[in-house]
Amino acid sequence: VSGHLIQGVVAPFAPWVLRTNSSGTLEYGGASFDFFQEVLAMFEPPGRLQ
């Protein structure tokens, strides 16, 4: 999809989109977020999160 922009909005909720890191704070992660990152990697060139 060269030259096009795909935008998405995330509703942060645990454990699917948020996870607790080693310092005890919430960060993006979890099953749905990991799946989204894998899908972005399939595009050529690979997608980016901003």
C-alpha atoms as a PDB file:
ATOM      1  CA  VAL A   1       0.000   0.000   0.000  1.00  0.00           C
ATOM      2  CA  SER A   2       2.665   2.440  -1.081  1.00  0.00           C
ATOM      3  CA  GLY A   3       1.858   6.077  -0.456  1.00  0.00           C
ATOM      4  CA  HIS A   4      -1.167   5.334   1.720  1.00  0.00           C
ATOM      5  CA  LEU A   5      -1.675   5.808   5.428  1.00  0.00           C
ATOM      6  CA  ILE A   6      -3.484   3.364   7.689  1.00  0.00           C
ATOM      7  CA  GLN A   7      -4.551   4.811  11.034  1.00  0.00           C
ATOM      8  CA  GLY A   8      -5.977   3.014  14.011  1.00  0.00           C
ATOM      9  CA  VAL A   9      -7.111   3.861  17.507  1.00  0.00           C
ATOM     10  CA  VAL A  10      -6.380   1.680  20.516  1.00  0.00           C
ATOM     11  CA  ALA A  11      -8.680   1.392  23.531  1.00  0.00           C
ATOM     12  CA  PRO A  12      -6.120   0.478  26.202  1.00  0.00           C
ATOM     13  CA  PHE A  13      -7.295  -2.358  28.432  1.00  0.00           C
ATOM     14  CA  ALA A  14      -5.437  -5.159  30.151  1.00  0.00           C
ATOM     15  CA  PRO A  15      -4.418  -7.894  29.421  1.00  0.00           C
ATOM     16  CA  TRP A  16      -5.055  -7.653  25.656  1.00  0.00           C
ATOM     17  CA  VAL A  17      -3.514  -4.261  24.882  1.00  0.00           C
ATOM     18  CA  LEU A  18      -1.698  -3.325  28.103  1.00  0.00           C
ATOM     19  CA  ARG A  19       0.748  -5.266  30.237  1.00  0.00           C
ATOM     20  CA  THR A  20       2.704  -4.501  33.386  1.00  0.00           C
ATOM     21  CA  ASN A  21       6.462  -4.200  32.887  1.00  0.00           C
ATOM     22  CA  SER A  22       9.174  -5.161  35.392  1.00  0.00           C
ATOM     23  CA  SER A  23       8.993  -1.755  37.125  1.00  0.00           C
ATOM     24  CA  GLY A  24       5.233  -2.151  37.708  1.00  0.00           C
ATOM     25  CA  THR A  25       4.004   0.425  35.185  1.00  0.00           C
ATOM     26  CA  LEU A  26       1.566  -0.263  32.358  1.00  0.00           C
ATOM     27  CA  GLU A  27       2.861  -0.286  28.781  1.00  0.00           C
ATOM     28  CA  TYR A  28       1.459  -1.316  25.413  1.00  0.00           C
ATOM     29  CA  GLY A  29       1.692  -5.083  24.994  1.00  0.00           C
ATOM     30  CA  GLY A  30      -0.414  -8.197  25.344  1.00  0.00           C
ATOM     31  CA  ALA A  31      -2.048 -10.578  22.890  1.00  0.00           C
ATOM     32  CA  SER A  32      -3.939  -8.106  20.661  1.00  0.00           C
ATOM     33  CA  PHE A  33      -1.076  -5.610  20.567  1.00  0.00           C
ATOM     34  CA  ASP A  34       1.449  -8.328  19.705  1.00  0.00           C
ATOM     35  CA  PHE A  35      -0.844  -9.540  16.890  1.00  0.00           C
ATOM     36  CA  PHE A  36      -1.104  -5.966  15.549  1.00  0.00           C
ATOM     37  CA  GLN A  37       2.698  -5.649  15.490  1.00  0.00           C
ATOM     38  CA  GLU A  38       3.015  -8.950  13.596  1.00  0.00           C
ATOM     39  CA  VAL A  39       0.501  -7.728  10.986  1.00  0.00           C
ATOM     40  CA  LEU A  40       2.466  -4.485  10.525  1.00  0.00           C
ATOM     41  CA  ALA A  41       5.616  -6.530   9.866  1.00  0.00           C
ATOM     42  CA  MET A  42       3.890  -8.231   6.882  1.00  0.00           C
ATOM     43  CA  PHE A  43       3.679  -5.003   4.865  1.00  0.00           C
ATOM     44  CA  GLU A  44       6.436  -4.011   2.427  1.00  0.00           C
ATOM     45  CA  PRO A  45       7.964  -1.758   3.613  1.00  0.00           C
ATOM     46  CA  PRO A  46       7.097  -2.802   7.191  1.00  0.00           C
ATOM     47  CA  GLY A  47       4.601  -0.592   9.003  1.00  0.00           C
ATOM     48  CA  ARG A  48       5.543   1.688  11.878  1.00  0.00           C
ATOM     49  CA  LEU A  49       3.876   2.729  15.110  1.00  0.00           C
ATOM     50  CA  GLN A  50       3.978   6.390  15.942  1.00  0.00           C
END
